[in-house]
Amino acid sequence: SARRSSSSSRVTVATSCEISWLEALTLVALAGPRQRLPLLLSERSHHDYAARLLHRVDEQAQAERPLFRWLAAQRQSLTHDDLRALKAVLLLDDWLAGSRSIELEARYHIWAGQIVRCAHGMARQLRRLRAQLRHRGVSSAGQPPLDELVQRLRHAELDGVAEHRAALSRHIGVLLGAV
């Protein structure tokens, strides 16, 4: 869409020599193909994903990074798709920090399988970003290289959802019960 291409052209990689995992996730979420996570109307009114991400950025002392300064300036004009992208970033950041799938389902109004799809999609996008960054000489800021992030996201099913099959079957049971 025309909106996506204009939005993508405004989001660029910082020119410094380091990039954090959170910055990499945010960059690919906003600049690349969007993850297909639902964003309910009730979420838009009750959960300010842009503010939550910017709060997390402040906690990690990354507020002066160009991408996050751009996000703070654009916060009021973010589209529905932009907010879905930020939701994906927060979801995966929480999953990487060790949150369990069952907690993430409730917090982000999703089902566990969407975590896996989101993680795999982001891993594909991050591989492309990683190649671009290597070409520019950019490394991961104070964290293991992006290779580890890509591997963790690619293997999300093994790490996060396999232990929570009961949660997924609970949703299936509810759907079958409603029929």
N, C-alpha and C. Protein backbone atom coordinates (compact mmCIF):
# COMPACT_ATOMS: atom_id res chain seq x y z
N SER A 1 0.82 -1.18 0.00
CA SER A 1 0.00 0.00 0.00
C SER A 1 0.86 1.24 0.00
N ALA A 2 0.28 2.33 -0.42
CA ALA A 2 1.04 3.57 -0.49
C ALA A 2 1.43 4.04 0.90
N ARG A 3 0.55 3.87 1.88
CA ARG A 3 0.84 4.30 3.25
C ARG A 3 2.03 3.54 3.81
N ARG A 4 2.08 2.23 3.56
CA ARG A 4 3.17 1.42 4.08
C ARG A 4 4.50 1.87 3.48
N SER A 5 4.54 2.12 2.19
CA SER A 5 5.80 2.49 1.57
C SER A 5 6.27 3.85 2.05
N SER A 6 5.35 4.79 2.27
CA SER A 6 5.77 6.09 2.77
C SER A 6 6.24 5.98 4.22
N SER A 7 5.55 5.16 5.02
CA SER A 7 5.96 4.97 6.40
C SER A 7 7.32 4.28 6.46
N SER A 8 7.53 3.28 5.62
CA SER A 8 8.77 2.53 5.61
C SER A 8 9.95 3.41 5.25
N SER A 9 9.75 4.35 4.35
CA SER A 9 10.87 5.17 3.91
C SER A 9 11.33 6.12 5.01
N ARG A 10 10.48 6.42 5.99
CA ARG A 10 10.86 7.32 7.07
C ARG A 10 11.64 6.62 8.17
N VAL A 11 11.53 5.30 8.26
CA VAL A 11 12.17 4.54 9.32
C VAL A 11 13.50 4.02 8.80
N THR A 12 14.59 4.43 9.43
CA THR A 12 15.91 4.00 8.97
C THR A 12 16.75 3.53 10.14
N VAL A 13 17.83 2.82 9.81
CA VAL A 13 18.76 2.34 10.82
C VAL A 13 19.63 3.49 11.29
N ALA A 14 19.91 3.51 12.56
CA ALA A 14 20.80 4.52 13.11
C ALA A 14 22.17 4.40 12.47
N THR A 15 22.89 5.50 12.42
CA THR A 15 24.20 5.50 11.79
C THR A 15 25.30 5.11 12.76
N SER A 16 24.98 4.91 14.03
CA SER A 16 26.01 4.51 14.98
C SER A 16 26.41 3.06 14.72
N CYS A 17 27.37 2.58 15.47
CA CYS A 17 27.92 1.25 15.24
C CYS A 17 27.25 0.16 16.04
N GLU A 18 26.17 0.46 16.75
CA GLU A 18 25.52 -0.56 17.56
C GLU A 18 24.01 -0.50 17.40
N ILE A 19 23.36 -1.66 17.55
CA ILE A 19 21.90 -1.74 17.51
C ILE A 19 21.47 -2.77 18.54
N SER A 20 20.46 -2.44 19.34
CA SER A 20 19.96 -3.37 20.36
C SER A 20 18.91 -4.28 19.74
N TRP A 21 18.60 -5.35 20.49
CA TRP A 21 17.56 -6.26 20.02
C TRP A 21 16.23 -5.53 19.91
N LEU A 22 15.91 -4.70 20.88
CA LEU A 22 14.65 -3.97 20.87
C LEU A 22 14.59 -3.03 19.66
N GLU A 23 15.70 -2.38 19.36
CA GLU A 23 15.74 -1.49 18.20
C GLU A 23 15.60 -2.29 16.90
N ALA A 24 16.26 -3.43 16.83
CA ALA A 24 16.15 -4.27 15.63
C ALA A 24 14.72 -4.77 15.43
N LEU A 25 14.08 -5.23 16.50
CA LEU A 25 12.70 -5.70 16.40
C LEU A 25 11.77 -4.56 15.96
N THR A 26 11.96 -3.38 16.54
CA THR A 26 11.12 -2.24 16.19
C THR A 26 11.32 -1.83 14.75
N LEU A 27 12.55 -1.82 14.31
CA LEU A 27 12.86 -1.42 12.94
C LEU A 27 12.21 -2.36 11.93
N VAL A 28 12.39 -3.67 12.10
CA VAL A 28 11.81 -4.59 11.12
C VAL A 28 10.29 -4.62 11.21
N ALA A 29 9.75 -4.41 12.41
CA ALA A 29 8.29 -4.41 12.56
C ALA A 29 7.67 -3.22 11.83
N LEU A 30 8.30 -2.06 11.92
CA LEU A 30 7.74 -0.86 11.30
C LEU A 30 8.09 -0.73 9.82
N ALA A 31 9.25 -1.22 9.42
CA ALA A 31 9.70 -1.02 8.04
C ALA A 31 9.38 -2.18 7.12
N GLY A 32 9.22 -3.37 7.67
CA GLY A 32 9.00 -4.54 6.84
C GLY A 32 7.54 -4.91 6.73
N PRO A 33 7.29 -6.08 6.16
CA PRO A 33 5.90 -6.56 6.12
C PRO A 33 5.35 -6.69 7.54
N ARG A 34 4.11 -6.31 7.71
CA ARG A 34 3.50 -6.29 9.04
C ARG A 34 3.10 -7.69 9.50
N GLN A 35 3.26 -7.91 10.79
CA GLN A 35 2.81 -9.16 11.39
C GLN A 35 1.29 -9.16 11.44
N ARG A 36 0.70 -10.31 11.33
CA ARG A 36 -0.76 -10.41 11.29
C ARG A 36 -1.36 -10.63 12.67
N LEU A 37 -0.93 -9.84 13.62
CA LEU A 37 -1.54 -9.90 14.95
C LEU A 37 -2.79 -9.05 14.96
N PRO A 38 -3.83 -9.53 15.60
CA PRO A 38 -5.04 -8.70 15.69
C PRO A 38 -4.82 -7.53 16.63
N LEU A 39 -5.49 -6.43 16.35
CA LEU A 39 -5.50 -5.28 17.25
C LEU A 39 -6.96 -4.90 17.41
N LEU A 40 -7.52 -5.29 18.54
CA LEU A 40 -8.93 -5.05 18.81
C LEU A 40 -9.17 -3.57 19.09
N LEU A 41 -10.37 -3.12 18.79
CA LEU A 41 -10.70 -1.72 19.09
C LEU A 41 -10.57 -1.44 20.58
N SER A 42 -10.93 -2.39 21.41
CA SER A 42 -10.81 -2.20 22.86
C SER A 42 -9.35 -2.05 23.27
N GLU A 43 -8.44 -2.72 22.55
CA GLU A 43 -7.02 -2.58 22.86
C GLU A 43 -6.54 -1.17 22.57
N ARG A 44 -7.00 -0.60 21.48
CA ARG A 44 -6.57 0.75 21.12
C ARG A 44 -6.95 1.76 22.20
N SER A 45 -8.09 1.54 22.84
CA SER A 45 -8.52 2.49 23.86
C SER A 45 -7.94 2.19 25.24
N HIS A 46 -7.55 0.94 25.49
CA HIS A 46 -7.06 0.56 26.82
C HIS A 46 -5.55 0.32 26.88
N HIS A 47 -4.90 0.08 25.76
CA HIS A 47 -3.47 -0.24 25.75
C HIS A 47 -2.77 0.67 24.75
N ASP A 48 -1.93 1.55 25.24
CA ASP A 48 -1.16 2.43 24.38
C ASP A 48 0.18 1.76 24.12
N TYR A 49 0.24 0.94 23.05
CA TYR A 49 1.45 0.18 22.77
C TYR A 49 2.64 1.07 22.47
N ALA A 50 2.42 2.22 21.86
CA ALA A 50 3.52 3.15 21.59
C ALA A 50 4.10 3.66 22.91
N ALA A 51 3.25 4.04 23.84
CA ALA A 51 3.72 4.53 25.14
C ALA A 51 4.44 3.43 25.91
N ARG A 52 3.91 2.20 25.85
CA ARG A 52 4.55 1.09 26.54
C ARG A 52 5.93 0.81 25.97
N LEU A 53 6.05 0.86 24.65
CA LEU A 53 7.36 0.64 24.03
C LEU A 53 8.33 1.76 24.40
N LEU A 54 7.85 3.01 24.34
CA LEU A 54 8.73 4.13 24.68
C LEU A 54 9.14 4.08 26.16
N HIS A 55 8.26 3.60 27.03
CA HIS A 55 8.62 3.43 28.44
C HIS A 55 9.73 2.38 28.56
N ARG A 56 9.60 1.29 27.84
CA ARG A 56 10.63 0.24 27.85
C ARG A 56 11.95 0.77 27.30
N VAL A 57 11.87 1.60 26.28
CA VAL A 57 13.05 2.22 25.69
C VAL A 57 13.74 3.11 26.73
N ASP A 58 12.95 3.88 27.48
CA ASP A 58 13.51 4.72 28.55
C ASP A 58 14.21 3.88 29.61
N GLU A 59 13.58 2.76 29.98
CA GLU A 59 14.18 1.87 30.98
C GLU A 59 15.52 1.33 30.52
N GLN A 60 15.68 1.14 29.22
CA GLN A 60 16.92 0.60 28.67
C GLN A 60 17.87 1.71 28.22
N ALA A 61 17.54 2.94 28.53
CA ALA A 61 18.38 4.11 28.20
C ALA A 61 18.68 4.19 26.70
N GLN A 62 17.63 3.99 25.89
CA GLN A 62 17.80 4.06 24.45
C GLN A 62 16.97 5.18 23.82
N ALA A 63 16.43 6.06 24.62
CA ALA A 63 15.52 7.09 24.13
C ALA A 63 16.16 8.03 23.11
N GLU A 64 17.46 8.16 23.13
CA GLU A 64 18.13 9.06 22.19
C GLU A 64 18.48 8.39 20.86
N ARG A 65 18.17 7.13 20.72
CA ARG A 65 18.41 6.44 19.45
C ARG A 65 17.50 7.06 18.40
N PRO A 66 17.99 7.28 17.17
CA PRO A 66 17.18 7.96 16.14
C PRO A 66 15.82 7.30 15.88
N LEU A 67 15.77 5.99 15.85
CA LEU A 67 14.50 5.30 15.60
C LEU A 67 13.48 5.62 16.70
N PHE A 68 13.91 5.60 17.94
CA PHE A 68 12.99 5.85 19.04
C PHE A 68 12.63 7.32 19.17
N ARG A 69 13.55 8.22 18.81
CA ARG A 69 13.19 9.65 18.76
C ARG A 69 12.13 9.87 17.69
N TRP A 70 12.29 9.21 16.52
CA TRP A 70 11.30 9.31 15.45
C TRP A 70 9.95 8.79 15.93
N LEU A 71 9.98 7.64 16.62
CA LEU A 71 8.74 7.04 17.11
C LEU A 71 8.04 7.96 18.11
N ALA A 72 8.79 8.57 19.00
CA ALA A 72 8.20 9.49 19.98
C ALA A 72 7.57 10.69 19.26
N ALA A 73 8.23 11.19 18.24
CA ALA A 73 7.70 12.35 17.50
C ALA A 73 6.45 11.98 16.69
N GLN A 74 6.39 10.76 16.19
CA GLN A 74 5.28 10.30 15.35
C GLN A 74 4.15 9.64 16.13
N ARG A 75 4.31 9.53 17.43
CA ARG A 75 3.39 8.74 18.26
C ARG A 75 1.92 9.07 18.03
N GLN A 76 1.57 10.32 17.88
CA GLN A 76 0.18 10.70 17.72
C GLN A 76 -0.37 10.39 16.33
N SER A 77 0.50 10.17 15.36
CA SER A 77 0.03 9.93 13.99
C SER A 77 0.24 8.49 13.54
N LEU A 78 0.45 7.57 14.48
CA LEU A 78 0.65 6.17 14.11
C LEU A 78 -0.65 5.56 13.61
N THR A 79 -0.54 4.75 12.58
CA THR A 79 -1.70 4.09 12.00
C THR A 79 -2.04 2.81 12.77
N HIS A 80 -3.16 2.22 12.41
CA HIS A 80 -3.57 0.94 12.99
C HIS A 80 -2.48 -0.10 12.76
N ASP A 81 -1.93 -0.17 11.55
CA ASP A 81 -0.87 -1.13 11.23
C ASP A 81 0.39 -0.85 12.02
N ASP A 82 0.72 0.42 12.24
CA ASP A 82 1.89 0.77 13.05
C ASP A 82 1.71 0.25 14.48
N LEU A 83 0.51 0.41 15.03
CA LEU A 83 0.25 -0.06 16.39
C LEU A 83 0.29 -1.58 16.48
N ARG A 84 -0.18 -2.26 15.43
CA ARG A 84 -0.06 -3.73 15.39
C ARG A 84 1.41 -4.13 15.38
N ALA A 85 2.23 -3.38 14.66
CA ALA A 85 3.67 -3.67 14.60
C ALA A 85 4.31 -3.49 15.98
N LEU A 86 3.93 -2.44 16.69
CA LEU A 86 4.48 -2.20 18.02
C LEU A 86 4.00 -3.27 19.01
N LYS A 87 2.78 -3.73 18.83
CA LYS A 87 2.27 -4.82 19.66
C LYS A 87 3.13 -6.06 19.47
N ALA A 88 3.52 -6.35 18.22
CA ALA A 88 4.37 -7.51 17.93
C ALA A 88 5.74 -7.35 18.59
N VAL A 89 6.28 -6.15 18.57
CA VAL A 89 7.59 -5.90 19.19
C VAL A 89 7.51 -6.17 20.69
N LEU A 90 6.50 -5.61 21.34
CA LEU A 90 6.35 -5.81 22.78
C LEU A 90 6.11 -7.27 23.13
N LEU A 91 5.28 -7.93 22.35
CA LEU A 91 5.00 -9.35 22.56
C LEU A 91 6.28 -10.17 22.50
N LEU A 92 7.07 -9.98 21.45
CA LEU A 92 8.29 -10.77 21.30
C LEU A 92 9.34 -10.38 22.33
N ASP A 93 9.41 -9.11 22.69
CA ASP A 93 10.36 -8.69 23.71
C ASP A 93 10.01 -9.35 25.04
N ASP A 94 8.73 -9.42 25.38
CA ASP A 94 8.31 -10.10 26.60
C ASP A 94 8.61 -11.59 26.52
N TRP A 95 8.36 -12.20 25.36
CA TRP A 95 8.63 -13.63 25.20
C TRP A 95 10.13 -13.90 25.34
N LEU A 96 10.96 -13.05 24.74
CA LEU A 96 12.41 -13.21 24.86
C LEU A 96 12.88 -13.03 26.30
N ALA A 97 12.17 -12.20 27.07
CA ALA A 97 12.53 -11.97 28.47
C ALA A 97 12.06 -13.10 29.37
N GLY A 98 11.38 -14.09 28.82
CA GLY A 98 11.00 -15.26 29.60
C GLY A 98 9.54 -15.37 29.99
N SER A 99 8.69 -14.46 29.52
CA SER A 99 7.27 -14.58 29.83
C SER A 99 6.70 -15.84 29.20
N ARG A 100 5.81 -16.47 29.90
CA ARG A 100 5.21 -17.72 29.42
C ARG A 100 4.08 -17.41 28.45
N SER A 101 3.85 -18.32 27.55
CA SER A 101 2.83 -18.14 26.52
C SER A 101 1.45 -17.85 27.10
N ILE A 102 1.12 -18.53 28.16
CA ILE A 102 -0.20 -18.34 28.76
C ILE A 102 -0.38 -16.91 29.26
N GLU A 103 0.70 -16.31 29.81
CA GLU A 103 0.65 -14.93 30.26
C GLU A 103 0.52 -13.98 29.07
N LEU A 104 1.26 -14.28 28.01
CA LEU A 104 1.24 -13.42 26.82
C LEU A 104 -0.11 -13.46 26.12
N GLU A 105 -0.76 -14.63 26.14
CA GLU A 105 -2.10 -14.73 25.55
C GLU A 105 -3.04 -13.72 26.19
N ALA A 106 -3.03 -13.67 27.51
CA ALA A 106 -3.93 -12.76 28.23
C ALA A 106 -3.50 -11.30 28.06
N ARG A 107 -2.22 -11.04 28.14
CA ARG A 107 -1.72 -9.66 28.07
C ARG A 107 -1.93 -9.02 26.71
N TYR A 108 -1.79 -9.83 25.64
CA TYR A 108 -1.86 -9.28 24.28
C TYR A 108 -3.09 -9.72 23.49
N HIS A 109 -4.01 -10.42 24.13
CA HIS A 109 -5.26 -10.83 23.49
C HIS A 109 -5.00 -11.63 22.21
N ILE A 110 -4.19 -12.66 22.35
CA ILE A 110 -3.84 -13.53 21.23
C ILE A 110 -3.95 -14.97 21.69
N TRP A 111 -3.71 -15.91 20.80
CA TRP A 111 -3.58 -17.30 21.20
C TRP A 111 -2.13 -17.71 20.94
N ALA A 112 -1.68 -18.74 21.63
CA ALA A 112 -0.26 -19.09 21.67
C ALA A 112 0.35 -19.29 20.29
N GLY A 113 -0.38 -19.88 19.35
CA GLY A 113 0.16 -20.10 18.01
C GLY A 113 0.56 -18.82 17.30
N GLN A 114 -0.07 -17.70 17.66
CA GLN A 114 0.28 -16.43 17.04
C GLN A 114 1.67 -15.97 17.48
N ILE A 115 2.10 -16.36 18.66
CA ILE A 115 3.45 -16.03 19.11
C ILE A 115 4.46 -16.69 18.17
N VAL A 116 4.22 -17.95 17.86
CA VAL A 116 5.13 -18.69 16.98
C VAL A 116 5.16 -18.07 15.60
N ARG A 117 3.99 -17.79 15.03
CA ARG A 117 3.95 -17.18 13.70
C ARG A 117 4.65 -15.83 13.68
N CYS A 118 4.40 -15.04 14.70
CA CYS A 118 5.02 -13.72 14.80
C CYS A 118 6.54 -13.85 14.92
N ALA A 119 7.00 -14.76 15.76
CA ALA A 119 8.44 -14.97 15.95
C ALA A 119 9.11 -15.43 14.66
N HIS A 120 8.48 -16.36 13.96
CA HIS A 120 9.07 -16.86 12.71
C HIS A 120 9.10 -15.76 11.65
N GLY A 121 8.04 -14.97 11.56
CA GLY A 121 8.02 -13.86 10.60
C GLY A 121 9.09 -12.82 10.91
N MET A 122 9.24 -12.49 12.18
CA MET A 122 10.27 -11.52 12.57
C MET A 122 11.66 -12.08 12.32
N ALA A 123 11.85 -13.37 12.53
CA ALA A 123 13.17 -13.97 12.28
C ALA A 123 13.55 -13.81 10.81
N ARG A 124 12.59 -14.02 9.90
CA ARG A 124 12.88 -13.84 8.47
C ARG A 124 13.28 -12.40 8.18
N GLN A 125 12.54 -11.46 8.73
CA GLN A 125 12.83 -10.06 8.51
C GLN A 125 14.18 -9.66 9.13
N LEU A 126 14.48 -10.21 10.30
CA LEU A 126 15.74 -9.89 10.97
C LEU A 126 16.95 -10.44 10.22
N ARG A 127 16.78 -11.57 9.55
CA ARG A 127 17.90 -12.09 8.74
C ARG A 127 18.27 -11.11 7.66
N ARG A 128 17.26 -10.50 7.03
CA ARG A 128 17.55 -9.50 5.99
C ARG A 128 18.21 -8.27 6.61
N LEU A 129 17.70 -7.83 7.76
CA LEU A 129 18.30 -6.68 8.44
C LEU A 129 19.73 -6.99 8.85
N ARG A 130 19.96 -8.18 9.38
CA ARG A 130 21.31 -8.58 9.81
C ARG A 130 22.30 -8.48 8.66
N ALA A 131 21.89 -8.92 7.48
CA ALA A 131 22.78 -8.83 6.30
C ALA A 131 23.08 -7.37 5.96
N GLN A 132 22.05 -6.52 6.02
CA GLN A 132 22.26 -5.09 5.74
C GLN A 132 23.19 -4.46 6.77
N LEU A 133 23.00 -4.80 8.03
CA LEU A 133 23.82 -4.22 9.09
C LEU A 133 25.27 -4.67 9.00
N ARG A 134 25.48 -5.94 8.67
CA ARG A 134 26.85 -6.43 8.50
C ARG A 134 27.55 -5.68 7.39
N HIS A 135 26.81 -5.41 6.34
CA HIS A 135 27.38 -4.66 5.22
C HIS A 135 27.80 -3.26 5.66
N ARG A 136 27.06 -2.67 6.61
CA ARG A 136 27.36 -1.33 7.12
C ARG A 136 28.32 -1.34 8.30
N GLY A 137 28.63 -2.52 8.86
CA GLY A 137 29.53 -2.60 10.00
C GLY A 137 28.87 -2.30 11.33
N VAL A 138 27.54 -2.51 11.44
CA VAL A 138 26.79 -2.25 12.68
C VAL A 138 26.72 -3.56 13.47
N SER A 139 26.89 -3.46 14.80
CA SER A 139 26.83 -4.65 15.66
C SER A 139 25.70 -4.50 16.69
N SER A 140 25.48 -5.54 17.49
CA SER A 140 24.46 -5.50 18.54
C SER A 140 25.00 -4.74 19.74
N ALA A 141 24.18 -3.87 20.30
CA ALA A 141 24.59 -3.02 21.42
C ALA A 141 24.52 -3.77 22.74
N GLY A 142 25.67 -4.11 23.30
CA GLY A 142 25.73 -4.70 24.63
C GLY A 142 24.97 -6.00 24.78
N GLN A 143 24.65 -6.66 23.70
CA GLN A 143 23.90 -7.91 23.74
C GLN A 143 24.57 -8.89 22.80
N PRO A 144 24.20 -10.17 22.92
CA PRO A 144 24.71 -11.12 21.95
C PRO A 144 24.31 -10.68 20.54
N PRO A 145 25.02 -11.13 19.54
CA PRO A 145 24.73 -10.69 18.18
C PRO A 145 23.30 -11.01 17.74
N LEU A 146 22.88 -10.33 16.70
CA LEU A 146 21.53 -10.56 16.16
C LEU A 146 21.34 -12.01 15.72
N ASP A 147 22.43 -12.72 15.44
CA ASP A 147 22.32 -14.14 15.07
C ASP A 147 21.58 -14.91 16.16
N GLU A 148 21.89 -14.62 17.43
CA GLU A 148 21.22 -15.31 18.53
C GLU A 148 19.75 -14.96 18.59
N LEU A 149 19.43 -13.70 18.37
CA LEU A 149 18.04 -13.27 18.34
C LEU A 149 17.27 -14.00 17.24
N VAL A 150 17.86 -14.07 16.06
CA VAL A 150 17.23 -14.77 14.94
C VAL A 150 17.01 -16.24 15.29
N GLN A 151 18.02 -16.89 15.87
CA GLN A 151 17.89 -18.30 16.22
C GLN A 151 16.79 -18.52 17.27
N ARG A 152 16.74 -17.66 18.28
CA ARG A 152 15.70 -17.81 19.30
C ARG A 152 14.31 -17.65 18.71
N LEU A 153 14.15 -16.69 17.80
CA LEU A 153 12.85 -16.48 17.18
C LEU A 153 12.50 -17.61 16.22
N ARG A 154 13.48 -18.11 15.50
CA ARG A 154 13.22 -19.21 14.57
C ARG A 154 12.79 -20.48 15.30
N HIS A 155 13.26 -20.65 16.52
CA HIS A 155 12.94 -21.85 17.29
C HIS A 155 11.90 -21.56 18.39
N ALA A 156 11.07 -20.59 18.16
CA ALA A 156 10.07 -20.19 19.15
C ALA A 156 9.18 -21.35 19.56
N GLU A 157 8.81 -22.19 18.64
CA GLU A 157 7.90 -23.29 18.98
C GLU A 157 8.54 -24.22 20.00
N LEU A 158 9.84 -24.45 19.85
CA LEU A 158 10.53 -25.33 20.79
C LEU A 158 10.67 -24.68 22.16
N ASP A 159 10.86 -23.37 22.18
CA ASP A 159 11.11 -22.68 23.44
C ASP A 159 9.84 -22.26 24.17
N GLY A 160 8.84 -21.81 23.45
CA GLY A 160 7.75 -21.14 24.12
C GLY A 160 6.42 -21.82 24.13
N VAL A 161 6.01 -22.45 23.06
CA VAL A 161 4.62 -22.88 22.96
C VAL A 161 4.45 -24.36 23.21
N ALA A 162 5.43 -25.17 22.95
CA ALA A 162 5.29 -26.61 23.08
C ALA A 162 4.84 -27.00 24.49
N GLU A 163 5.33 -26.29 25.51
CA GLU A 163 4.96 -26.63 26.87
C GLU A 163 3.55 -26.18 27.23
N HIS A 164 2.93 -25.39 26.35
CA HIS A 164 1.61 -24.83 26.66
C HIS A 164 0.53 -25.35 25.72
N ARG A 165 0.65 -26.58 25.30
CA ARG A 165 -0.38 -27.14 24.42
C ARG A 165 -1.74 -27.13 25.11
N ALA A 166 -1.76 -27.22 26.42
CA ALA A 166 -3.04 -27.20 27.15
C ALA A 166 -3.76 -25.88 26.93
N ALA A 167 -3.02 -24.78 26.88
CA ALA A 167 -3.65 -23.47 26.65
C ALA A 167 -4.30 -23.42 25.28
N LEU A 168 -3.62 -23.95 24.28
CA LEU A 168 -4.17 -23.97 22.93
C LEU A 168 -5.40 -24.87 22.88
N SER A 169 -5.32 -26.02 23.52
CA SER A 169 -6.48 -26.92 23.49
C SER A 169 -7.65 -26.32 24.25
N ARG A 170 -7.39 -25.47 25.24
CA ARG A 170 -8.46 -24.79 25.97
C ARG A 170 -9.26 -23.92 25.00
N HIS A 171 -8.55 -23.18 24.11
CA HIS A 171 -9.24 -22.35 23.12
C HIS A 171 -10.06 -23.20 22.16
N ILE A 172 -9.50 -24.30 21.73
CA ILE A 172 -10.21 -25.18 20.81
C ILE A 172 -11.45 -25.74 21.52
N GLY A 173 -11.29 -26.12 22.79
CA GLY A 173 -12.44 -26.62 23.55
C GLY A 173 -13.55 -25.59 23.68
N VAL A 174 -13.17 -24.33 23.90
CA VAL A 174 -14.16 -23.27 24.02
C VAL A 174 -14.89 -23.08 22.69
N LEU A 175 -14.14 -23.10 21.59
CA LEU A 175 -14.75 -22.94 20.26
C LEU A 175 -15.70 -24.10 19.96
N LEU A 176 -15.27 -25.31 20.26
CA LEU A 176 -16.14 -26.47 20.00
C LEU A 176 -17.36 -26.44 20.91
N GLY A 177 -17.18 -25.96 22.13
CA GLY A 177 -18.30 -25.86 23.05
C GLY A 177 -19.33 -24.84 22.60
N ALA A 178 -18.89 -23.81 21.88
CA ALA A 178 -19.79 -22.79 21.41
C ALA A 178 -20.60 -23.24 20.20
N VAL A 179 -20.14 -24.29 19.52
CA VAL A 179 -20.84 -24.74 18.31
C VAL A 179 -22.03 -25.56 18.61
